[in-house]
Protein backbone atom coordinates (compact mmCIF):
# COMPACT_ATOMS: atom_id res chain seq x y z
CA MET A 1 42.25 44.99 64.84
CA SER A 2 42.48 41.45 66.40
CA GLU A 3 45.52 39.34 66.37
CA PRO A 4 45.60 36.04 64.76
CA GLN A 5 45.67 33.15 67.39
CA ARG A 6 48.87 31.59 68.04
CA ILE A 7 49.20 27.90 67.17
CA ASP A 8 50.74 25.27 69.37
CA LEU A 9 52.30 22.86 67.26
CA THR A 10 52.45 19.11 68.53
CA PRO A 11 55.75 17.22 67.59
CA LEU A 12 53.97 15.05 65.01
CA GLN A 13 52.48 18.31 63.49
CA LEU A 14 55.92 19.99 63.42
CA VAL A 15 57.43 16.92 61.88
CA SER A 16 54.60 16.59 59.01
CA LEU A 17 54.97 20.39 58.32
CA THR A 18 58.69 19.99 57.82
CA GLY A 19 58.23 16.82 55.81
CA VAL A 20 55.88 18.30 53.28
CA LEU A 21 58.30 21.58 52.64
CA LEU A 22 61.44 19.41 52.34
CA LEU A 23 60.63 16.68 50.46
CA ALA A 24 58.75 19.13 47.92
CA PHE A 25 61.70 21.35 47.95
CA ALA A 26 64.18 18.69 47.16
CA ALA A 27 64.74 19.83 43.30
CA SER A 28 65.66 23.16 44.91
CA LEU A 29 68.06 21.84 47.54
CA GLY A 30 70.01 20.07 44.77
CA MET A 31 70.23 23.17 42.56
CA ALA A 32 74.04 23.35 42.84
CA PHE A 33 73.95 19.55 41.17
CA ASN A 34 71.22 20.56 38.80
CA ILE A 35 73.23 23.36 37.24
CA ASP A 36 76.37 21.20 36.51
CA ALA A 37 74.12 18.22 35.27
CA ILE A 38 72.33 20.25 32.78
CA ALA A 39 75.64 21.73 31.60
CA GLU A 40 76.89 18.32 31.20
CA SER A 41 73.83 16.73 29.60
CA PHE A 42 73.03 19.76 26.95
CA ALA A 43 76.44 20.71 26.55
CA ALA A 44 75.47 24.25 27.72
CA SER A 45 77.38 26.97 29.05
CA ASN A 46 77.39 28.13 32.67
CA THR A 47 75.02 30.91 31.94
CA GLN A 48 72.54 28.51 29.88
CA ALA A 49 72.45 26.14 32.67
CA GLY A 50 71.98 28.87 35.20
CA LEU A 51 69.17 30.36 33.30
CA VAL A 52 67.13 27.07 34.05
CA ALA A 53 67.78 27.40 37.69
CA SER A 54 66.83 31.13 37.39
CA VAL A 55 63.41 30.63 35.90
CA GLU A 56 62.71 27.93 38.40
CA MET A 57 63.46 30.09 41.27
CA ALA A 58 61.54 33.04 39.80
CA ALA A 59 58.57 31.03 39.38
CA ILE A 60 59.02 29.76 43.19
CA ALA A 61 59.21 33.45 44.24
CA ALA A 62 56.02 34.30 42.06
CA GLY A 63 54.01 31.62 43.77
CA ASN A 64 55.26 32.49 47.07
CA LEU A 65 54.13 36.15 46.82
CA THR A 66 50.66 34.82 45.38
CA PHE A 67 50.11 32.66 48.61
CA ALA A 68 51.97 34.54 51.17
CA ARG A 69 48.56 36.52 51.92
CA LEU A 70 46.33 33.81 50.85
CA ALA A 71 47.85 31.24 53.14
CA GLY A 72 45.61 32.12 56.17
CA ARG A 73 42.28 32.50 54.24
CA MET A 74 42.42 29.09 52.46
CA SER A 75 42.57 25.34 53.58
CA VAL A 76 46.13 24.59 53.80
CA ARG A 77 45.66 21.18 53.12
CA ARG A 78 44.02 21.71 49.63
CA ILE A 79 47.08 24.08 48.74
CA TYR A 80 49.78 21.32 50.02
CA LEU A 81 47.66 18.68 48.17
CA ALA A 82 47.37 20.51 44.65
CA GLY A 83 50.86 21.92 45.02
CA VAL A 84 52.63 18.95 45.59
CA LEU A 85 50.71 16.88 42.75
CA VAL A 86 51.71 19.50 40.48
CA VAL A 87 55.30 19.25 41.46
CA VAL A 88 55.39 15.24 41.47
CA SER A 89 53.86 15.44 37.85
CA LEU A 90 56.51 18.02 36.52
CA ASN A 91 59.27 16.61 38.02
CA LEU A 92 58.30 13.26 36.29
CA ILE A 93 57.89 15.25 32.97
CA SER A 94 61.43 16.76 33.45
CA VAL A 95 63.26 13.32 33.16
CA LEU A 96 62.00 13.27 29.57
CA ALA A 97 63.04 16.83 28.45
CA PRO A 98 65.27 16.50 25.72
CA THR A 99 66.34 20.20 25.21
CA VAL A 100 67.13 22.93 27.70
CA ASN A 101 64.19 25.08 26.37
CA THR A 102 61.68 22.21 27.41
CA LEU A 103 63.33 21.70 30.68
CA VAL A 104 62.72 25.41 31.18
CA ALA A 105 58.92 24.95 30.09
CA CYS A 106 58.58 22.02 32.91
CA ARG A 107 60.38 23.84 35.87
CA ALA A 108 58.50 27.31 35.48
CA PRO A 109 54.77 25.93 36.50
CA ALA A 110 56.51 23.18 38.98
CA GLY A 111 58.21 26.51 40.55
CA PHE A 112 55.02 28.51 41.08
CA ALA A 113 53.32 25.37 42.57
CA LEU A 114 56.50 24.81 44.82
CA GLY A 115 56.14 28.55 45.84
CA ALA A 116 52.51 28.04 46.95
CA VAL A 117 53.46 25.07 49.43
CA VAL A 118 56.42 27.03 50.81
CA ALA A 119 54.48 30.14 51.41
CA THR A 120 51.73 28.00 53.14
CA VAL A 121 53.98 26.20 55.34
CA MET A 122 56.10 29.21 56.46
CA ALA A 123 52.99 31.37 57.18
CA THR A 124 51.77 28.45 59.46
CA ALA A 125 55.18 28.27 61.22
CA GLY A 126 55.28 32.02 61.72
CA ARG A 127 51.99 31.64 63.60
CA SER A 128 53.18 29.20 66.13
CA SER A 129 53.60 30.06 69.66
CA LYS A 130 57.69 29.64 69.64
CA PRO A 131 58.38 30.72 66.26
CA GLU A 132 62.07 30.69 66.63
CA SER A 133 62.16 27.04 68.09
CA THR A 134 59.91 26.29 65.13
CA PHE A 135 62.17 27.74 62.46
CA GLY A 136 65.26 26.39 64.28
CA VAL A 137 63.68 22.80 63.79
CA ILE A 138 62.59 23.38 60.10
CA ASN A 139 66.11 25.03 59.17
CA SER A 140 67.72 22.29 61.09
CA MET A 141 66.11 19.47 58.89
CA VAL A 142 66.89 21.33 55.85
CA GLY A 143 70.47 20.31 56.79
CA ALA A 144 69.46 16.85 57.54
CA MET A 145 67.75 16.76 54.01
CA GLY A 146 70.95 18.17 52.52
CA ILE A 147 72.87 14.96 54.00
CA PHE A 148 70.51 12.67 51.89
CA ILE A 149 70.68 15.02 49.11
CA ALA A 150 74.39 15.24 48.97
CA TYR A 151 74.57 11.25 49.29
CA ALA A 152 71.91 10.48 46.57
CA LEU A 153 72.47 12.91 43.85
CA PRO A 154 76.21 12.03 42.80
CA ARG A 155 74.87 8.44 42.50
CA ALA A 156 71.76 9.63 40.47
CA LEU A 157 74.22 11.49 38.09
CA THR A 158 75.29 7.95 37.07
CA LEU A 159 72.22 6.25 36.90
CA HIS A 160 71.73 6.48 33.09
CA GLU A 161 74.99 4.42 32.64
CA VAL A 162 73.29 1.41 34.15
CA LEU A 163 69.67 1.75 32.56
CA PRO A 164 68.95 -0.16 29.45
CA GLY A 165 69.36 1.36 25.90
CA PRO A 166 66.16 3.03 25.81
CA MET A 167 65.97 4.32 29.12
CA ALA A 168 69.66 5.68 29.09
CA PHE A 169 69.19 9.51 28.76
CA SER A 170 71.79 11.83 30.42
CA GLU A 171 72.99 12.67 34.05
CA VAL A 172 70.18 15.33 34.68
CA ASP A 173 67.55 12.71 34.28
CA GLY A 174 68.70 10.75 37.19
CA LEU A 175 68.33 13.83 39.29
CA TYR A 176 64.87 14.53 38.63
CA LEU A 177 64.11 10.89 39.32
CA VAL A 178 65.21 11.50 42.86
CA TYR A 179 63.14 14.78 43.06
CA ALA A 180 60.08 13.10 41.64
CA LEU A 181 60.40 10.27 44.10
CA CYS A 182 60.90 12.69 47.20
CA SER A 183 57.76 14.80 46.04
CA LEU A 184 55.83 11.75 45.82
CA CYS A 185 56.69 11.18 49.59
CA ALA A 186 55.52 14.54 50.73
CA LEU A 187 52.15 13.39 49.97
CA LEU A 188 52.25 11.01 53.05
CA PHE A 189 52.73 13.85 55.57
CA ILE A 190 49.83 15.98 54.45
CA ARG A 191 47.07 14.46 56.40
CA SER A 192 49.05 15.06 59.74
CA ALA A 193 50.30 18.50 59.10
CA PRO A 194 48.65 21.33 60.95
CA ASN A 195 45.48 22.49 59.26
CA PRO A 196 44.54 26.02 61.16
CA GLU A 197 40.94 27.34 60.54
CA PRO A 198 41.34 30.13 57.84
CA GLN A 199 41.29 33.69 59.22
CA PRO A 200 39.27 36.33 57.78
CA PRO A 201 40.94 39.22 56.11
CA SER A 202 40.68 41.46 59.15
CA ALA A 203 42.86 39.24 61.02
CA SER A 204 45.87 39.76 58.62
CA GLY A 205 45.38 43.66 58.90
CA SER A 206 48.26 43.91 61.35
CA ALA A 207 50.70 43.34 58.50
CA GLU A 208 49.66 46.82 57.15
CA ARG A 209 50.82 48.77 60.03
CA PRO A 210 53.47 51.46 59.15
CA SER A 211 55.86 50.23 62.06
CA LEU A 212 56.20 46.63 59.81
CA LEU A 213 57.72 48.74 56.93
CA VAL A 214 60.65 47.69 58.67
CA GLY A 215 59.97 44.04 58.17
CA TRP A 216 59.69 44.31 54.73
CA LEU A 217 62.88 46.28 54.40
CA GLY A 218 64.56 43.50 56.38
CA LEU A 219 63.00 40.93 53.81
CA LEU A 220 64.71 42.94 51.12
CA GLY A 221 68.16 43.01 52.97
CA LEU A 222 67.59 39.23 53.43
CA GLY A 223 67.07 38.64 49.72
CA ILE A 224 70.24 40.70 48.79
CA VAL A 225 72.24 38.60 51.11
CA PHE A 226 70.97 35.27 49.66
CA PHE A 227 71.20 36.53 46.00
CA GLY A 228 74.91 37.28 46.67
CA HIS A 229 75.35 33.97 48.23
CA GLY A 230 73.93 32.13 45.50
CA THR A 231 76.15 33.81 42.64
CA LEU A 232 78.78 31.52 44.37
CA ALA A 233 77.00 28.92 46.15
CA LEU A 234 75.31 27.48 43.12
CA PHE A 235 78.75 26.84 41.57
CA ILE A 236 80.14 25.07 44.41
CA VAL A 237 80.03 21.71 42.43
CA LYS A 238 81.94 23.39 39.41
CA ILE A 239 84.56 24.80 41.86
CA GLY A 240 85.12 21.25 43.17
CA ARG A 241 85.33 19.74 39.92
CA ALA A 242 87.89 22.18 38.87
CA ILE A 243 90.42 21.43 41.43
CA PRO A 244 89.70 18.49 40.37
CA LEU A 245 87.38 16.42 42.68
CA THR A 246 85.05 13.69 41.80
CA PRO A 247 81.12 14.39 42.10
CA GLU A 248 81.24 11.46 44.91
CA VAL A 249 83.90 13.47 47.02
CA ILE A 250 82.14 16.70 46.45
CA GLY A 251 78.89 15.00 47.74
CA TYR A 252 80.82 14.13 50.87
CA VAL A 253 81.77 17.51 51.47
CA PHE A 254 78.20 18.34 51.13
CA MET A 255 77.27 15.76 53.50
CA ALA A 256 79.76 17.28 56.00
CA GLY A 257 78.32 20.83 55.19
CA SER A 258 74.74 19.64 55.94
CA LEU A 259 75.69 17.79 59.28
CA LEU A 260 76.91 21.28 60.39
CA GLY A 261 73.41 22.56 59.26
CA VAL A 262 71.65 20.13 61.49
CA PHE A 263 72.99 21.58 64.45
CA MET A 264 73.45 25.57 63.82
CA PRO A 265 69.78 26.36 63.17
CA LEU A 266 69.00 24.38 66.44
CA LEU A 267 71.53 26.61 68.31
CA ALA A 268 70.54 29.68 66.76
CA GLY A 269 66.66 29.06 67.43
CA PHE A 270 67.70 28.36 70.99
CA LEU A 271 69.72 31.76 71.11
CA GLY A 272 67.03 33.40 69.24
CA THR A 273 64.53 32.76 72.10
CA ARG A 274 66.84 33.99 74.88
CA TYR A 275 69.12 36.65 73.42
CA PRO A 276 68.96 39.81 71.43
CA ALA A 277 68.89 38.97 67.51
CA ARG A 278 71.79 41.64 66.31
CA ALA A 279 74.95 40.16 67.74
CA PRO A 280 74.78 36.72 66.40
CA VAL A 281 73.34 37.74 63.18
CA VAL A 282 76.46 39.98 62.77
CA VAL A 283 78.88 37.05 63.70
CA ILE A 284 77.11 34.91 61.15
CA LEU A 285 77.45 37.37 58.40
CA ILE A 286 81.16 37.82 58.93
CA GLY A 287 81.66 34.23 58.62
CA ILE A 288 79.84 34.06 55.43
CA VAL A 289 82.18 37.19 54.19
CA VAL A 290 85.32 35.18 55.37
CA ALA A 291 84.17 31.70 53.81
CA ALA A 292 83.08 33.22 50.40
CA LEU A 293 86.37 34.58 49.72
CA ALA A 294 88.12 31.46 50.87
CA LEU A 295 85.95 29.31 48.50
CA ALA A 296 86.31 31.78 45.67
CA GLY A 297 90.10 31.33 45.98
CA ALA A 298 90.13 27.55 46.80
CA ASP A 299 92.62 25.59 44.45
CA THR A 300 93.54 22.81 46.83
CA PRO A 301 91.16 19.82 48.18
CA LEU A 302 91.97 21.19 51.88
CA ALA A 303 90.74 24.84 51.21
CA PHE A 304 87.56 23.40 49.65
CA PHE A 305 86.91 20.70 52.36
CA ILE A 306 87.04 23.71 54.67
CA ALA A 307 85.39 26.40 52.75
CA ALA A 308 82.80 24.94 51.06
CA PRO A 309 80.66 23.18 54.09
CA ALA A 310 80.87 26.53 56.12
CA PHE A 311 79.79 28.66 53.26
CA ALA A 312 77.10 26.65 52.16
CA MET A 313 75.38 26.19 55.55
CA LEU A 314 76.29 29.50 57.31
CA PRO A 315 73.07 31.13 55.92
CA ILE A 316 70.68 28.57 57.40
CA ALA A 317 71.95 29.55 60.79
CA ILE A 318 70.57 33.19 60.15
CA MET A 319 67.03 32.17 59.46
CA PRO A 320 65.71 30.90 62.75
CA ILE A 321 67.03 34.13 64.35
CA PHE A 322 65.78 36.46 61.47
CA LEU A 323 62.32 34.48 60.97
CA GLY A 324 61.67 34.88 64.53
CA CYS A 325 62.23 38.56 64.58
CA LEU A 326 59.60 38.98 61.68
CA ALA A 327 57.29 36.79 63.45
CA ARG A 328 57.41 39.06 66.41
CA LEU A 329 56.74 42.03 64.13
CA ASP A 330 53.75 40.35 62.68
CA SER A 331 51.93 37.82 64.50
CA SER A 332 49.76 36.92 60.98
CA GLY A 333 52.42 35.01 59.41
CA SER A 334 52.39 37.18 56.32
CA LEU A 335 56.11 38.41 56.70
CA THR A 336 57.47 35.01 57.25
CA GLY A 337 55.15 33.45 54.52
CA ALA A 338 56.65 35.96 52.02
CA HIS A 339 60.20 35.57 53.29
CA ALA A 340 60.90 32.70 50.61
CA ALA A 341 59.73 35.10 47.65
CA PHE A 342 62.68 37.68 48.72
CA VAL A 343 65.14 34.80 48.92
CA LEU A 344 64.16 33.31 45.84
CA ILE A 345 64.06 36.46 43.69
CA GLY A 346 67.63 37.19 44.43
CA GLY A 347 68.16 33.29 43.86
CA ALA A 348 66.54 33.42 40.41
CA ILE A 349 68.90 35.91 39.21
CA ALA A 350 71.99 34.54 41.03
CA PRO A 351 72.71 31.59 38.74
CA PHE A 352 72.41 33.68 35.66
CA ALA A 353 74.40 36.42 37.20
CA GLY A 354 76.87 33.96 38.81
CA GLY A 355 77.26 32.20 35.67
CA ALA A 356 77.79 35.42 33.74
CA LEU A 357 80.41 36.70 36.63
CA SER A 358 82.19 33.54 36.59
CA ASP A 359 82.51 33.15 32.76
CA LEU A 360 83.91 36.84 32.63
CA GLY A 361 86.15 36.92 35.18
CA GLY A 362 86.66 33.54 37.47
CA PHE A 363 85.16 32.72 40.65
CA SER A 364 87.27 35.22 42.47
CA VAL A 365 84.76 37.87 41.29
CA ASN A 366 81.90 36.00 42.31
CA GLY A 367 83.56 35.97 45.83
CA TRP A 368 83.97 39.86 46.15
CA PHE A 369 80.47 40.14 44.73
CA VAL A 370 79.05 38.13 47.67
CA VAL A 371 80.69 40.54 50.14
CA ALA A 372 79.28 43.48 48.65
CA CYS A 373 75.93 41.98 48.82
CA VAL A 374 76.25 41.01 52.56
CA ILE A 375 77.30 44.66 53.37
CA VAL A 376 74.22 45.84 51.47
CA GLY A 377 71.96 43.56 52.93
CA ALA A 378 72.98 43.87 56.60
CA ALA A 379 72.45 47.69 56.37
CA LEU A 380 68.69 47.15 55.08
CA GLY A 381 67.95 44.44 57.81
CA TYR A 382 69.57 45.91 60.68
CA PRO A 383 66.34 47.96 61.47
CA ALA A 384 64.18 45.19 61.58
CA LEU A 385 66.38 43.25 63.89
CA LYS A 386 66.77 46.70 66.13
CA ALA A 387 62.83 46.79 65.98
CA ALA A 388 62.49 43.11 67.17
CA ASP A 389 64.74 43.38 70.11
CA ALA A 390 63.15 46.28 71.22
CA GLN A 391 59.76 44.66 71.13
CA ARG A 392 61.28 41.57 73.20
CA ARG A 393 62.68 43.87 75.80
CA ALA A 394 59.42 45.46 76.08
CA THR A 395 57.53 41.90 76.51
CA LEU A 396 60.28 40.97 79.05
CA ARG A 397 60.26 44.05 81.01
CA PRO A 398 58.61 43.32 84.43
CA GLN A 399 55.22 45.15 84.60
CA PRO A 400 54.67 47.56 87.61
CA ALA A 401 52.46 45.82 90.46
CA HIS A 402 48.98 47.47 90.77
CA GLY A 403 47.63 47.95 94.29
């Protein structure tokens, strides 16, 4: 069975690929602000606000799973154009949503369209000739986008206070207006994004090899880690407000974390191309555990300033290494294209589950739940890292000379 050809991405193509992903994905990057704003705007509980996020993330996961295998067989630019146009439209409609139920009805199809875009972008990146470096750049730019989100969203929360009477709605409306503008800008990058030739079904046949079962098991482990992480991370804004800190100060904390998020994936991508994957992944997971417990118990500004940026950004550092491993196990891009579904299936449950945990026992319960999920996820992901490291050693092993 022939392997799909690797793609040599030019700098412009890599920037455009990243631009389409991040600008369309803005509403999900700001999810912690969304939950807090929904609760304030509609007088909703943590559980109700988390349900909106859960529905949106579940829809993203559904779109991602649907298109992870289709991305290599269709025109990727058509997927981008159709998906981004749907996201733009529904972000604008979300501004006018009068109730939580109406907002849920808007976010579900927006999430499905976004899932199609994410699957196509990540499948294309997984087929690049240097996947660890490619994913390092993409995840680094997630940090850069996070700086913008952290600066813009606290100010967008107050937009309703300065608009004239008929246009003054609530805090959450300013957020979705920002997301609509971001997704509109994503359209500018589609034309220069890479557009590889569609592959026949046989070219994706390598994804069916029994040896790749460890890759799918690793994706399950990754999803469990992000599920646990989300049950606390999505409530960082609420933790900060309870200290109490203003939204603007919390935004600056997010900006500091996002600055870390710019450099850590680049470093991880560099290490991933040169060293075995298991050691750095274990170190990062230990860091997540320590930061989770510190954040869950934070009751002073200093504790929050230290724990929140580290906890928010450490998982991003895993991605270039882990996705590079998946790309080594499967050159068709199916595993890397599907990774967002596993992350977001857990993420879909996380807001609702995290809200329920915090309502019942406070955020300390969320912190220990993160620890349990990291332990389980690491156990499931270890075989994939081990298999990719073995494949890497085999590739680098000197071949015997033939006389």
